Amino acid sequence: MTVKEIVDQINAAKLCTRPTLEDTNIDMTDCVHVDTVNRDEHRWYVNATNVYKMGDEFFGIHGAIQLLSEDMGFNDCAVVCEAFEMESVPSVTYRRK
């Protein structure tokens, strides 16, 4: 399976949250979670992009990743996951000697 196929399957499934991926037939056994970026905290939940690596390719899944209210479920957030291909961008940082 390729990254493009996984992205297409996730988008076609119209999932409301990342944990429901385990309940689908989407095979992500060769995918490794490498980072969580673009955190956006709302009053009742947190959205973010989980970045995965498969071989030499990367893809992200953006959606609700955490609930901040005990009285709601991921479906209550009304956030549909969006998957997309990504690329690694090297960056330079500096620190004090």
N, C-alpha and C. Protein backbone atom coordinates (compact mmCIF):
# COMPACT_ATOMS: atom_id res chain seq x y z
N MET A 1 0.84 -1.17 0.00
CA MET A 1 0.00 0.00 0.00
C MET A 1 0.90 1.24 0.00
N THR A 2 0.50 2.27 -0.73
CA THR A 2 1.27 3.51 -0.82
C THR A 2 0.66 4.58 0.08
N VAL A 3 1.43 5.63 0.31
CA VAL A 3 0.94 6.76 1.10
C VAL A 3 -0.29 7.37 0.43
N LYS A 4 -0.25 7.52 -0.87
CA LYS A 4 -1.38 8.10 -1.62
C LYS A 4 -2.65 7.27 -1.39
N GLU A 5 -2.53 5.95 -1.41
CA GLU A 5 -3.69 5.08 -1.18
C GLU A 5 -4.24 5.23 0.24
N ILE A 6 -3.35 5.33 1.22
CA ILE A 6 -3.78 5.51 2.61
C ILE A 6 -4.51 6.85 2.77
N VAL A 7 -3.93 7.90 2.20
CA VAL A 7 -4.55 9.23 2.27
C VAL A 7 -5.94 9.21 1.64
N ASP A 8 -6.06 8.59 0.47
CA ASP A 8 -7.35 8.51 -0.21
C ASP A 8 -8.37 7.72 0.61
N GLN A 9 -7.94 6.62 1.24
CA GLN A 9 -8.85 5.80 2.04
C GLN A 9 -9.33 6.55 3.28
N ILE A 10 -8.43 7.26 3.94
CA ILE A 10 -8.81 8.01 5.14
C ILE A 10 -9.80 9.11 4.78
N ASN A 11 -9.52 9.84 3.70
CA ASN A 11 -10.43 10.92 3.29
C ASN A 11 -11.78 10.37 2.84
N ALA A 12 -11.80 9.23 2.19
CA ALA A 12 -13.07 8.63 1.74
C ALA A 12 -13.91 8.14 2.92
N ALA A 13 -13.24 7.74 4.01
CA ALA A 13 -13.95 7.20 5.18
C ALA A 13 -14.66 8.30 5.98
N LYS A 14 -14.25 9.55 5.82
CA LYS A 14 -14.85 10.69 6.54
C LYS A 14 -14.93 10.43 8.05
N LEU A 15 -13.78 10.12 8.63
CA LEU A 15 -13.70 9.80 10.05
C LEU A 15 -13.77 11.06 10.90
N CYS A 16 -14.30 10.92 12.11
CA CYS A 16 -14.41 12.08 13.01
C CYS A 16 -13.22 12.22 13.94
N THR A 17 -12.39 11.20 14.04
CA THR A 17 -11.25 11.29 14.93
C THR A 17 -10.22 10.22 14.60
N ARG A 18 -9.01 10.48 14.95
CA ARG A 18 -7.90 9.55 14.70
C ARG A 18 -8.12 8.17 15.33
N PRO A 19 -8.60 8.04 16.56
CA PRO A 19 -8.74 6.71 17.14
C PRO A 19 -9.65 5.77 16.34
N THR A 20 -10.58 6.30 15.55
CA THR A 20 -11.47 5.41 14.80
C THR A 20 -10.76 4.73 13.64
N LEU A 21 -9.51 5.12 13.35
CA LEU A 21 -8.76 4.43 12.30
C LEU A 21 -8.58 2.95 12.63
N GLU A 22 -8.45 2.64 13.92
CA GLU A 22 -8.30 1.25 14.32
C GLU A 22 -9.56 0.43 13.99
N ASP A 23 -10.70 1.11 13.86
CA ASP A 23 -11.96 0.42 13.59
C ASP A 23 -12.23 0.26 12.09
N THR A 24 -11.32 0.70 11.25
CA THR A 24 -11.51 0.61 9.81
C THR A 24 -10.60 -0.49 9.24
N ASN A 25 -10.70 -0.68 7.95
CA ASN A 25 -9.84 -1.65 7.28
C ASN A 25 -8.61 -0.99 6.67
N ILE A 26 -8.26 0.19 7.13
CA ILE A 26 -7.10 0.90 6.61
C ILE A 26 -5.84 0.33 7.27
N ASP A 27 -4.96 -0.23 6.45
CA ASP A 27 -3.77 -0.91 6.95
C ASP A 27 -2.65 0.11 7.17
N MET A 28 -2.37 0.42 8.43
CA MET A 28 -1.31 1.37 8.75
C MET A 28 -0.18 0.69 9.53
N THR A 29 -0.01 -0.61 9.32
CA THR A 29 1.01 -1.34 10.07
C THR A 29 2.43 -0.90 9.73
N ASP A 30 2.67 -0.42 8.52
CA ASP A 30 4.01 0.04 8.12
C ASP A 30 4.23 1.51 8.39
N CYS A 31 3.25 2.17 9.02
CA CYS A 31 3.34 3.62 9.28
C CYS A 31 3.82 3.86 10.71
N VAL A 32 4.73 4.80 10.84
CA VAL A 32 5.28 5.15 12.16
C VAL A 32 4.92 6.59 12.48
N HIS A 33 4.32 6.81 13.65
CA HIS A 33 3.99 8.18 14.08
C HIS A 33 5.30 8.88 14.43
N VAL A 34 5.56 10.04 13.79
CA VAL A 34 6.82 10.74 14.02
C VAL A 34 6.66 12.07 14.75
N ASP A 35 5.49 12.69 14.67
CA ASP A 35 5.33 13.98 15.33
C ASP A 35 3.86 14.39 15.37
N THR A 36 3.55 15.32 16.25
CA THR A 36 2.24 15.96 16.30
C THR A 36 2.49 17.46 16.19
N VAL A 37 1.90 18.08 15.16
CA VAL A 37 2.15 19.50 14.89
C VAL A 37 0.83 20.25 14.75
N ASN A 38 0.91 21.56 14.70
CA ASN A 38 -0.25 22.43 14.49
C ASN A 38 -1.36 22.22 15.52
N ARG A 39 -0.99 22.15 16.80
CA ARG A 39 -1.99 22.01 17.87
C ARG A 39 -2.86 23.25 17.92
N ASP A 40 -4.15 23.03 18.01
CA ASP A 40 -5.12 24.13 18.07
C ASP A 40 -6.15 23.78 19.13
N GLU A 41 -6.04 24.42 20.30
CA GLU A 41 -6.90 24.08 21.42
C GLU A 41 -8.19 24.90 21.38
N HIS A 42 -9.31 24.19 21.41
CA HIS A 42 -10.62 24.81 21.49
C HIS A 42 -11.15 24.61 22.91
N ARG A 43 -12.32 25.12 23.18
CA ARG A 43 -12.85 25.03 24.55
C ARG A 43 -13.08 23.57 24.99
N TRP A 44 -13.58 22.73 24.08
CA TRP A 44 -13.97 21.38 24.46
C TRP A 44 -13.07 20.29 23.90
N TYR A 45 -12.18 20.62 22.97
CA TYR A 45 -11.33 19.61 22.34
C TYR A 45 -10.08 20.25 21.75
N VAL A 46 -9.13 19.40 21.36
CA VAL A 46 -7.88 19.86 20.76
C VAL A 46 -7.75 19.24 19.37
N ASN A 47 -7.49 20.08 18.37
CA ASN A 47 -7.18 19.62 17.01
C ASN A 47 -5.67 19.62 16.83
N ALA A 48 -5.17 18.73 16.00
CA ALA A 48 -3.75 18.72 15.67
C ALA A 48 -3.55 17.85 14.44
N THR A 49 -2.33 17.91 13.90
CA THR A 49 -1.96 17.05 12.79
C THR A 49 -0.96 16.03 13.28
N ASN A 50 -1.32 14.75 13.17
CA ASN A 50 -0.40 13.67 13.47
C ASN A 50 0.35 13.34 12.19
N VAL A 51 1.69 13.36 12.26
CA VAL A 51 2.53 13.09 11.09
C VAL A 51 3.04 11.66 11.17
N TYR A 52 2.92 10.94 10.06
CA TYR A 52 3.35 9.55 9.96
C TYR A 52 4.37 9.40 8.85
N LYS A 53 5.27 8.43 9.04
CA LYS A 53 6.26 8.11 8.02
C LYS A 53 6.03 6.67 7.56
N MET A 54 6.06 6.50 6.25
CA MET A 54 5.94 5.17 5.66
C MET A 54 7.02 5.07 4.60
N GLY A 55 8.04 4.28 4.87
CA GLY A 55 9.18 4.23 3.97
C GLY A 55 9.90 5.57 3.99
N ASP A 56 10.01 6.20 2.84
CA ASP A 56 10.64 7.52 2.74
C ASP A 56 9.61 8.63 2.59
N GLU A 57 8.33 8.31 2.72
CA GLU A 57 7.27 9.29 2.50
C GLU A 57 6.58 9.63 3.82
N PHE A 58 5.97 10.82 3.85
CA PHE A 58 5.26 11.30 5.03
C PHE A 58 3.83 11.66 4.66
N PHE A 59 2.93 11.50 5.64
CA PHE A 59 1.56 12.00 5.47
C PHE A 59 1.04 12.44 6.83
N GLY A 60 0.05 13.32 6.80
CA GLY A 60 -0.52 13.83 8.03
C GLY A 60 -2.01 13.56 8.09
N ILE A 61 -2.50 13.44 9.31
CA ILE A 61 -3.94 13.32 9.55
C ILE A 61 -4.31 14.42 10.52
N HIS A 62 -5.13 15.37 10.07
CA HIS A 62 -5.54 16.49 10.91
C HIS A 62 -6.95 16.24 11.42
N GLY A 63 -7.14 16.41 12.71
CA GLY A 63 -8.46 16.23 13.30
C GLY A 63 -8.39 16.38 14.81
N ALA A 64 -9.50 16.09 15.47
CA ALA A 64 -9.55 16.16 16.93
C ALA A 64 -8.71 15.03 17.51
N ILE A 65 -7.81 15.37 18.42
CA ILE A 65 -6.95 14.35 19.02
C ILE A 65 -7.17 14.17 20.51
N GLN A 66 -7.86 15.14 21.13
CA GLN A 66 -8.06 15.07 22.58
C GLN A 66 -9.36 15.78 22.95
N LEU A 67 -10.10 15.18 23.87
CA LEU A 67 -11.32 15.80 24.40
C LEU A 67 -11.00 16.47 25.72
N LEU A 68 -11.56 17.66 25.93
CA LEU A 68 -11.34 18.38 27.18
C LEU A 68 -12.59 18.37 28.06
N SER A 69 -13.63 17.70 27.60
CA SER A 69 -14.86 17.58 28.36
C SER A 69 -15.22 16.11 28.50
N GLU A 70 -15.57 15.70 29.70
CA GLU A 70 -15.96 14.31 29.94
C GLU A 70 -17.34 14.01 29.36
N ASP A 71 -18.12 15.05 29.08
CA ASP A 71 -19.50 14.86 28.64
C ASP A 71 -19.66 14.77 27.13
N MET A 72 -18.57 14.69 26.39
CA MET A 72 -18.70 14.64 24.94
C MET A 72 -17.80 13.56 24.36
N GLY A 73 -18.15 13.14 23.14
CA GLY A 73 -17.35 12.19 22.41
C GLY A 73 -16.74 12.87 21.19
N PHE A 74 -15.86 12.16 20.48
CA PHE A 74 -15.22 12.74 19.31
C PHE A 74 -16.22 13.12 18.22
N ASN A 75 -17.30 12.37 18.10
CA ASN A 75 -18.31 12.71 17.10
C ASN A 75 -18.99 14.05 17.40
N ASP A 76 -19.02 14.44 18.67
CA ASP A 76 -19.63 15.72 19.06
C ASP A 76 -18.81 16.92 18.60
N CYS A 77 -17.54 16.72 18.30
CA CYS A 77 -16.68 17.83 17.86
C CYS A 77 -17.03 18.30 16.46
N ALA A 78 -17.65 17.46 15.68
CA ALA A 78 -18.02 17.77 14.29
C ALA A 78 -16.79 18.14 13.46
N VAL A 79 -15.67 17.48 13.74
CA VAL A 79 -14.44 17.70 12.99
C VAL A 79 -14.15 16.42 12.22
N VAL A 80 -14.18 16.51 10.90
CA VAL A 80 -13.87 15.35 10.06
C VAL A 80 -12.37 15.35 9.78
N CYS A 81 -11.73 14.20 9.98
CA CYS A 81 -10.30 14.09 9.74
C CYS A 81 -9.98 14.34 8.27
N GLU A 82 -8.87 15.01 8.06
CA GLU A 82 -8.38 15.24 6.71
C GLU A 82 -6.96 14.68 6.63
N ALA A 83 -6.71 13.84 5.65
CA ALA A 83 -5.38 13.28 5.44
C ALA A 83 -4.76 13.92 4.21
N PHE A 84 -3.44 14.07 4.24
CA PHE A 84 -2.73 14.70 3.12
C PHE A 84 -1.28 14.27 3.14
N GLU A 85 -0.66 14.28 1.97
CA GLU A 85 0.76 13.97 1.88
C GLU A 85 1.56 15.14 2.41
N MET A 86 2.71 14.85 3.00
CA MET A 86 3.56 15.89 3.57
C MET A 86 5.01 15.64 3.14
N GLU A 87 5.85 16.62 3.40
CA GLU A 87 7.27 16.47 3.14
C GLU A 87 8.04 16.97 4.35
N SER A 88 9.21 16.42 4.55
CA SER A 88 10.07 16.85 5.63
C SER A 88 10.79 18.12 5.21
N VAL A 89 10.80 19.10 6.10
CA VAL A 89 11.47 20.37 5.82
C VAL A 89 12.57 20.55 6.86
N PRO A 90 13.84 20.42 6.42
CA PRO A 90 14.93 20.61 7.39
C PRO A 90 14.99 22.07 7.84
N SER A 91 15.33 22.27 9.09
CA SER A 91 15.44 23.63 9.61
C SER A 91 16.73 23.76 10.42
N VAL A 92 17.17 24.99 10.56
CA VAL A 92 18.38 25.28 11.33
C VAL A 92 17.96 26.04 12.57
N THR A 93 18.53 25.66 13.67
CA THR A 93 18.29 26.38 14.92
C THR A 93 19.62 26.65 15.58
N TYR A 94 19.65 27.57 16.52
CA TYR A 94 20.88 27.93 17.19
C TYR A 94 20.67 27.89 18.69
N ARG A 95 21.75 27.61 19.40
CA ARG A 95 21.70 27.63 20.85
C ARG A 95 22.99 28.25 21.39
N ARG A 96 22.94 28.65 22.60
CA ARG A 96 24.08 29.29 23.24
C ARG A 96 25.15 28.25 23.54
N LYS A 97 26.42 28.64 23.36
CA LYS A 97 27.54 27.73 23.67
C LYS A 97 27.76 27.65 25.16
